[in-house]
Amino acid sequence: MDSKACLRYQVSSLCGADSEDKITTGKRKHEDDEPVFEQIENTSNPARCPVKMFECYLSKSPQNLNQRMDVFYLQPECSVSSDSPVWYTSTSLDRNTLEHMLVRVLLVKDIYDKDNYELDEDID
């Protein structure tokens, strides 16, 4: 059986330090009780594989940040070529920039979903 790499996410690590553990029936919820989500490597299509994309992101990030857990989304370098060894600065993206990016991604997704829905209706 071939082993596949995966990305693992734990809810507490995604929420960051600004959120508090929920108190359930008078007891603190333990990290062990929190769900862990996994994204399995897509070996059939490496160009669309989240594991490979993350590995590429790490390889193009400054090496001194690879072990830090408090910085993830980094500012892109202003002018780099695709063969440059580093594509990102050591500065993290601010919350407003991330929010604007998410809104744009969700808008594009909504437009794409709407277009596909209309195409499905036309076929019927």
N, C-alpha and C. Protein backbone atom coordinates (compact mmCIF):
# COMPACT_ATOMS: atom_id res chain seq x y z
N MET A 1 0.84 -1.19 0.00
CA MET A 1 0.00 0.00 0.00
C MET A 1 0.88 1.25 0.00
N ASP A 2 0.62 2.16 -0.91
CA ASP A 2 1.38 3.40 -0.99
C ASP A 2 0.96 4.34 0.12
N SER A 3 1.96 4.99 0.72
CA SER A 3 1.62 5.98 1.74
C SER A 3 1.49 7.34 1.06
N LYS A 4 0.52 8.11 1.52
CA LYS A 4 0.29 9.44 0.97
C LYS A 4 0.53 10.47 2.07
N ALA A 5 1.06 11.61 1.69
CA ALA A 5 1.23 12.71 2.62
C ALA A 5 -0.12 13.40 2.81
N CYS A 6 -0.26 14.11 3.92
CA CYS A 6 -1.49 14.86 4.13
C CYS A 6 -1.19 16.11 4.95
N LEU A 7 -2.09 17.07 4.84
CA LEU A 7 -2.06 18.25 5.69
C LEU A 7 -3.06 18.02 6.80
N ARG A 8 -2.68 18.32 8.03
CA ARG A 8 -3.57 18.13 9.18
C ARG A 8 -3.83 19.48 9.84
N TYR A 9 -5.10 19.71 10.15
CA TYR A 9 -5.52 20.96 10.79
C TYR A 9 -6.25 20.63 12.08
N GLN A 10 -5.89 21.32 13.14
CA GLN A 10 -6.63 21.19 14.39
C GLN A 10 -7.32 22.51 14.65
N VAL A 11 -8.57 22.46 15.09
CA VAL A 11 -9.39 23.65 15.24
C VAL A 11 -8.71 24.69 16.11
N SER A 12 -8.14 24.30 17.24
CA SER A 12 -7.53 25.27 18.15
C SER A 12 -6.36 25.98 17.49
N SER A 13 -5.60 25.29 16.64
CA SER A 13 -4.48 25.94 15.98
C SER A 13 -4.95 26.87 14.87
N LEU A 14 -6.13 26.61 14.30
CA LEU A 14 -6.67 27.49 13.26
C LEU A 14 -7.24 28.77 13.85
N CYS A 15 -7.81 28.68 15.05
CA CYS A 15 -8.48 29.83 15.66
C CYS A 15 -7.49 30.83 16.22
N GLY A 16 -6.32 30.41 16.60
CA GLY A 16 -5.31 31.32 17.11
C GLY A 16 -5.53 31.67 18.57
N ALA A 17 -4.69 32.55 19.06
CA ALA A 17 -4.68 32.90 20.48
C ALA A 17 -5.83 33.81 20.86
N ASP A 18 -6.49 34.46 19.88
CA ASP A 18 -7.54 35.41 20.23
C ASP A 18 -8.87 34.75 20.57
N SER A 19 -8.98 33.44 20.40
CA SER A 19 -10.21 32.77 20.78
C SER A 19 -9.97 31.93 22.02
N GLU A 20 -10.98 31.79 22.85
CA GLU A 20 -10.85 31.03 24.07
C GLU A 20 -11.50 29.68 23.89
N ASP A 21 -11.04 28.70 24.70
CA ASP A 21 -11.67 27.39 24.68
C ASP A 21 -13.10 27.52 25.17
N LYS A 22 -13.99 26.76 24.56
CA LYS A 22 -15.38 26.78 25.01
C LYS A 22 -15.50 25.95 26.28
N ILE A 23 -16.36 26.38 27.18
CA ILE A 23 -16.59 25.63 28.40
C ILE A 23 -17.86 24.82 28.20
N THR A 24 -17.74 23.52 28.33
CA THR A 24 -18.87 22.62 28.13
C THR A 24 -19.16 21.90 29.44
N THR A 25 -20.36 22.01 29.91
CA THR A 25 -20.83 21.40 31.16
C THR A 25 -19.84 21.60 32.30
N GLY A 26 -19.34 22.81 32.43
CA GLY A 26 -18.48 23.15 33.55
C GLY A 26 -17.05 22.69 33.44
N LYS A 27 -16.68 22.03 32.37
CA LYS A 27 -15.31 21.56 32.20
C LYS A 27 -14.73 22.17 30.94
N ARG A 28 -13.43 22.43 30.99
CA ARG A 28 -12.76 22.95 29.79
C ARG A 28 -12.61 21.83 28.78
N LYS A 29 -12.81 22.17 27.54
CA LYS A 29 -12.66 21.21 26.47
C LYS A 29 -11.16 21.00 26.23
N HIS A 30 -10.73 19.77 26.15
CA HIS A 30 -9.31 19.46 25.92
C HIS A 30 -9.01 19.49 24.44
N GLU A 31 -7.76 19.84 24.09
CA GLU A 31 -7.37 19.85 22.68
C GLU A 31 -7.53 18.47 22.05
N ASP A 32 -7.35 17.42 22.86
CA ASP A 32 -7.49 16.06 22.33
C ASP A 32 -8.90 15.78 21.85
N ASP A 33 -9.90 16.49 22.41
CA ASP A 33 -11.29 16.28 22.03
C ASP A 33 -11.67 17.01 20.75
N GLU A 34 -10.82 17.91 20.29
CA GLU A 34 -11.14 18.71 19.11
C GLU A 34 -10.88 17.92 17.84
N PRO A 35 -11.73 18.12 16.83
CA PRO A 35 -11.54 17.37 15.59
C PRO A 35 -10.27 17.80 14.86
N VAL A 36 -9.68 16.86 14.17
CA VAL A 36 -8.52 17.11 13.34
C VAL A 36 -8.95 16.83 11.90
N PHE A 37 -8.74 17.79 11.03
CA PHE A 37 -9.12 17.66 9.63
C PHE A 37 -7.87 17.35 8.81
N GLU A 38 -8.04 16.52 7.79
CA GLU A 38 -6.92 16.14 6.94
C GLU A 38 -7.25 16.38 5.47
N GLN A 39 -6.24 16.82 4.73
CA GLN A 39 -6.33 16.89 3.27
C GLN A 39 -5.27 15.93 2.74
N ILE A 40 -5.72 14.89 2.08
CA ILE A 40 -4.83 13.86 1.56
C ILE A 40 -4.19 14.33 0.25
N GLU A 41 -2.96 13.92 0.04
CA GLU A 41 -2.21 14.24 -1.17
C GLU A 41 -2.96 13.72 -2.40
N ASN A 42 -3.03 14.53 -3.43
CA ASN A 42 -3.66 14.16 -4.69
C ASN A 42 -2.57 13.70 -5.66
N THR A 43 -2.28 12.41 -5.65
CA THR A 43 -1.20 11.89 -6.49
C THR A 43 -1.59 11.81 -7.95
N SER A 44 -2.88 11.75 -8.26
CA SER A 44 -3.30 11.66 -9.65
C SER A 44 -3.20 13.00 -10.38
N ASN A 45 -3.24 14.10 -9.63
CA ASN A 45 -3.15 15.43 -10.25
C ASN A 45 -2.31 16.34 -9.36
N PRO A 46 -0.98 16.21 -9.39
CA PRO A 46 -0.11 17.00 -8.51
C PRO A 46 -0.26 18.51 -8.66
N ALA A 47 -0.67 18.99 -9.84
CA ALA A 47 -0.83 20.43 -10.05
C ALA A 47 -1.98 21.00 -9.23
N ARG A 48 -2.92 20.15 -8.80
CA ARG A 48 -4.06 20.60 -8.00
C ARG A 48 -4.03 19.99 -6.60
N CYS A 49 -2.86 19.56 -6.18
CA CYS A 49 -2.70 18.90 -4.90
C CYS A 49 -2.42 19.93 -3.79
N PRO A 50 -3.28 19.99 -2.74
CA PRO A 50 -3.04 20.96 -1.67
C PRO A 50 -1.73 20.71 -0.93
N VAL A 51 -1.32 19.47 -0.82
CA VAL A 51 -0.06 19.15 -0.13
C VAL A 51 1.12 19.70 -0.94
N LYS A 52 1.12 19.48 -2.25
CA LYS A 52 2.20 19.98 -3.10
C LYS A 52 2.22 21.51 -3.13
N MET A 53 1.02 22.12 -3.16
CA MET A 53 0.95 23.59 -3.15
C MET A 53 1.54 24.15 -1.86
N PHE A 54 1.23 23.49 -0.74
CA PHE A 54 1.76 23.94 0.54
C PHE A 54 3.28 23.76 0.59
N GLU A 55 3.76 22.64 0.07
CA GLU A 55 5.21 22.42 0.02
C GLU A 55 5.90 23.48 -0.83
N CYS A 56 5.27 23.86 -1.95
CA CYS A 56 5.82 24.92 -2.80
C CYS A 56 5.84 26.25 -2.04
N TYR A 57 4.74 26.56 -1.36
CA TYR A 57 4.65 27.80 -0.57
C TYR A 57 5.78 27.84 0.46
N LEU A 58 5.99 26.73 1.18
CA LEU A 58 7.06 26.69 2.17
C LEU A 58 8.43 26.84 1.53
N SER A 59 8.62 26.24 0.37
CA SER A 59 9.92 26.31 -0.28
C SER A 59 10.24 27.71 -0.78
N LYS A 60 9.21 28.52 -1.05
CA LYS A 60 9.41 29.89 -1.54
C LYS A 60 9.32 30.93 -0.43
N SER A 61 9.14 30.47 0.81
CA SER A 61 9.09 31.37 1.97
C SER A 61 10.48 31.48 2.59
N PRO A 62 10.75 32.57 3.29
CA PRO A 62 12.05 32.68 3.97
C PRO A 62 12.27 31.51 4.93
N GLN A 63 13.44 30.92 4.88
CA GLN A 63 13.73 29.72 5.67
C GLN A 63 13.58 29.94 7.18
N ASN A 64 13.87 31.14 7.66
CA ASN A 64 13.77 31.38 9.10
C ASN A 64 12.33 31.36 9.61
N LEU A 65 11.34 31.35 8.72
CA LEU A 65 9.94 31.33 9.14
C LEU A 65 9.31 29.95 9.10
N ASN A 66 9.99 28.97 8.54
CA ASN A 66 9.40 27.64 8.38
C ASN A 66 9.03 26.98 9.70
N GLN A 67 9.71 27.28 10.77
CA GLN A 67 9.43 26.64 12.05
C GLN A 67 8.51 27.46 12.95
N ARG A 68 8.20 28.68 12.55
CA ARG A 68 7.34 29.53 13.38
C ARG A 68 5.88 29.17 13.18
N MET A 69 5.13 29.15 14.28
CA MET A 69 3.72 28.82 14.22
C MET A 69 2.82 30.05 14.29
N ASP A 70 3.40 31.24 14.48
CA ASP A 70 2.60 32.45 14.63
C ASP A 70 2.49 33.26 13.33
N VAL A 71 3.17 32.85 12.29
CA VAL A 71 3.13 33.55 11.02
C VAL A 71 2.85 32.52 9.92
N PHE A 72 1.80 32.77 9.14
CA PHE A 72 1.51 31.83 8.06
C PHE A 72 1.35 32.54 6.72
N TYR A 73 0.38 33.45 6.62
CA TYR A 73 0.15 34.16 5.36
C TYR A 73 1.14 35.30 5.25
N LEU A 74 2.03 35.23 4.26
CA LEU A 74 3.10 36.21 4.13
C LEU A 74 2.86 37.16 2.97
N GLN A 75 3.40 38.38 3.12
CA GLN A 75 3.34 39.38 2.04
C GLN A 75 4.20 38.89 0.88
N PRO A 76 3.69 38.96 -0.35
CA PRO A 76 4.52 38.59 -1.51
C PRO A 76 5.61 39.63 -1.72
N GLU A 77 6.74 39.20 -2.26
CA GLU A 77 7.80 40.12 -2.67
C GLU A 77 7.27 40.94 -3.84
N CYS A 78 7.66 42.19 -3.94
CA CYS A 78 7.12 43.07 -4.98
C CYS A 78 7.49 42.64 -6.40
N SER A 79 8.75 42.37 -6.63
CA SER A 79 9.15 42.01 -8.00
C SER A 79 10.08 40.80 -7.95
N VAL A 80 9.51 39.66 -8.26
CA VAL A 80 10.30 38.43 -8.33
C VAL A 80 9.92 37.67 -9.59
N SER A 81 10.82 36.84 -10.04
CA SER A 81 10.51 35.98 -11.18
C SER A 81 10.13 34.60 -10.66
N SER A 82 9.55 33.79 -11.51
CA SER A 82 9.09 32.48 -11.07
C SER A 82 10.23 31.56 -10.65
N ASP A 83 11.44 31.84 -11.10
CA ASP A 83 12.57 31.00 -10.70
C ASP A 83 13.35 31.55 -9.50
N SER A 84 12.84 32.63 -8.89
CA SER A 84 13.49 33.17 -7.69
C SER A 84 13.35 32.18 -6.53
N PRO A 85 14.36 32.11 -5.67
CA PRO A 85 14.29 31.16 -4.55
C PRO A 85 13.27 31.57 -3.47
N VAL A 86 12.99 32.86 -3.33
CA VAL A 86 12.04 33.33 -2.32
C VAL A 86 11.02 34.24 -2.98
N TRP A 87 9.73 33.95 -2.75
CA TRP A 87 8.65 34.75 -3.32
C TRP A 87 7.98 35.63 -2.28
N TYR A 88 8.24 35.41 -1.00
CA TYR A 88 7.52 36.09 0.08
C TYR A 88 8.47 36.78 1.04
N THR A 89 7.98 37.86 1.64
CA THR A 89 8.76 38.57 2.66
C THR A 89 8.56 37.87 4.01
N SER A 90 9.21 38.38 5.03
CA SER A 90 9.04 37.85 6.38
C SER A 90 7.87 38.51 7.11
N THR A 91 7.17 39.40 6.41
CA THR A 91 6.05 40.13 7.01
C THR A 91 4.74 39.40 6.74
N SER A 92 3.96 39.22 7.79
CA SER A 92 2.67 38.54 7.60
C SER A 92 1.64 39.51 7.04
N LEU A 93 0.64 38.96 6.36
CA LEU A 93 -0.46 39.78 5.86
C LEU A 93 -1.32 40.24 7.03
N ASP A 94 -1.80 41.46 6.95
CA ASP A 94 -2.68 41.94 8.03
C ASP A 94 -4.09 41.39 7.83
N ARG A 95 -4.88 41.47 8.88
CA ARG A 95 -6.22 40.89 8.88
C ARG A 95 -7.12 41.49 7.79
N ASN A 96 -7.04 42.81 7.58
CA ASN A 96 -7.88 43.46 6.56
C ASN A 96 -7.58 42.93 5.16
N THR A 97 -6.31 42.74 4.86
CA THR A 97 -5.93 42.21 3.55
C THR A 97 -6.48 40.81 3.37
N LEU A 98 -6.37 39.98 4.40
CA LEU A 98 -6.91 38.61 4.33
C LEU A 98 -8.42 38.63 4.14
N GLU A 99 -9.11 39.51 4.86
CA GLU A 99 -10.56 39.61 4.72
C GLU A 99 -10.95 40.00 3.30
N HIS A 100 -10.26 40.98 2.72
CA HIS A 100 -10.56 41.41 1.35
C HIS A 100 -10.30 40.27 0.36
N MET A 101 -9.23 39.52 0.56
CA MET A 101 -8.94 38.40 -0.32
C MET A 101 -10.03 37.34 -0.22
N LEU A 102 -10.47 37.04 0.98
CA LEU A 102 -11.53 36.04 1.16
C LEU A 102 -12.82 36.47 0.51
N VAL A 103 -13.18 37.73 0.66
CA VAL A 103 -14.41 38.24 0.04
C VAL A 103 -14.32 38.07 -1.47
N ARG A 104 -13.18 38.40 -2.05
CA ARG A 104 -13.02 38.26 -3.50
C ARG A 104 -13.11 36.80 -3.94
N VAL A 105 -12.48 35.91 -3.20
CA VAL A 105 -12.52 34.48 -3.52
C VAL A 105 -13.96 33.97 -3.45
N LEU A 106 -14.68 34.37 -2.41
CA LEU A 106 -16.06 33.92 -2.26
C LEU A 106 -16.96 34.48 -3.35
N LEU A 107 -16.72 35.73 -3.76
CA LEU A 107 -17.50 36.31 -4.85
C LEU A 107 -17.27 35.54 -6.15
N VAL A 108 -16.03 35.23 -6.45
CA VAL A 108 -15.72 34.49 -7.66
C VAL A 108 -16.36 33.11 -7.59
N LYS A 109 -16.29 32.47 -6.43
CA LYS A 109 -16.92 31.15 -6.25
C LYS A 109 -18.42 31.24 -6.49
N ASP A 110 -19.07 32.26 -5.91
CA ASP A 110 -20.51 32.44 -6.10
C ASP A 110 -20.85 32.64 -7.57
N ILE A 111 -20.07 33.45 -8.27
CA ILE A 111 -20.31 33.68 -9.70
C ILE A 111 -20.14 32.39 -10.47
N TYR A 112 -19.08 31.66 -10.17
CA TYR A 112 -18.82 30.39 -10.85
C TYR A 112 -19.94 29.39 -10.56
N ASP A 113 -20.35 29.27 -9.32
CA ASP A 113 -21.44 28.36 -8.95
C ASP A 113 -22.74 28.75 -9.65
N LYS A 114 -23.02 30.05 -9.72
CA LYS A 114 -24.24 30.54 -10.37
C LYS A 114 -24.21 30.20 -11.85
N ASP A 115 -23.06 30.42 -12.50
CA ASP A 115 -22.94 30.11 -13.93
C ASP A 115 -23.15 28.62 -14.18
N ASN A 116 -22.57 27.77 -13.33
CA ASN A 116 -22.75 26.33 -13.49
C ASN A 116 -24.19 25.92 -13.25
N TYR A 117 -24.85 26.55 -12.30
CA TYR A 117 -26.25 26.25 -12.00
C TYR A 117 -27.12 26.61 -13.21
N GLU A 118 -26.87 27.77 -13.81
CA GLU A 118 -27.64 28.19 -14.98
C GLU A 118 -27.38 27.25 -16.17
N LEU A 119 -26.14 26.79 -16.33
CA LEU A 119 -25.84 25.85 -17.40
C LEU A 119 -26.58 24.53 -17.18
N ASP A 120 -26.64 24.06 -15.94
CA ASP A 120 -27.36 22.83 -15.62
C ASP A 120 -28.84 22.97 -15.95
N GLU A 121 -29.43 24.14 -15.67
CA GLU A 121 -30.84 24.37 -15.96
C GLU A 121 -31.11 24.36 -17.46
N ASP A 122 -30.15 24.93 -18.24
CA ASP A 122 -30.31 24.98 -19.69
C ASP A 122 -30.29 23.59 -20.31
N ILE A 123 -29.57 22.67 -19.71
CA ILE A 123 -29.47 21.31 -20.23
C ILE A 123 -30.78 20.56 -20.06
N ASP A 124 -31.49 20.83 -18.98
CA ASP A 124 -32.77 20.12 -18.70
C ASP A 124 -33.80 20.41 -19.69
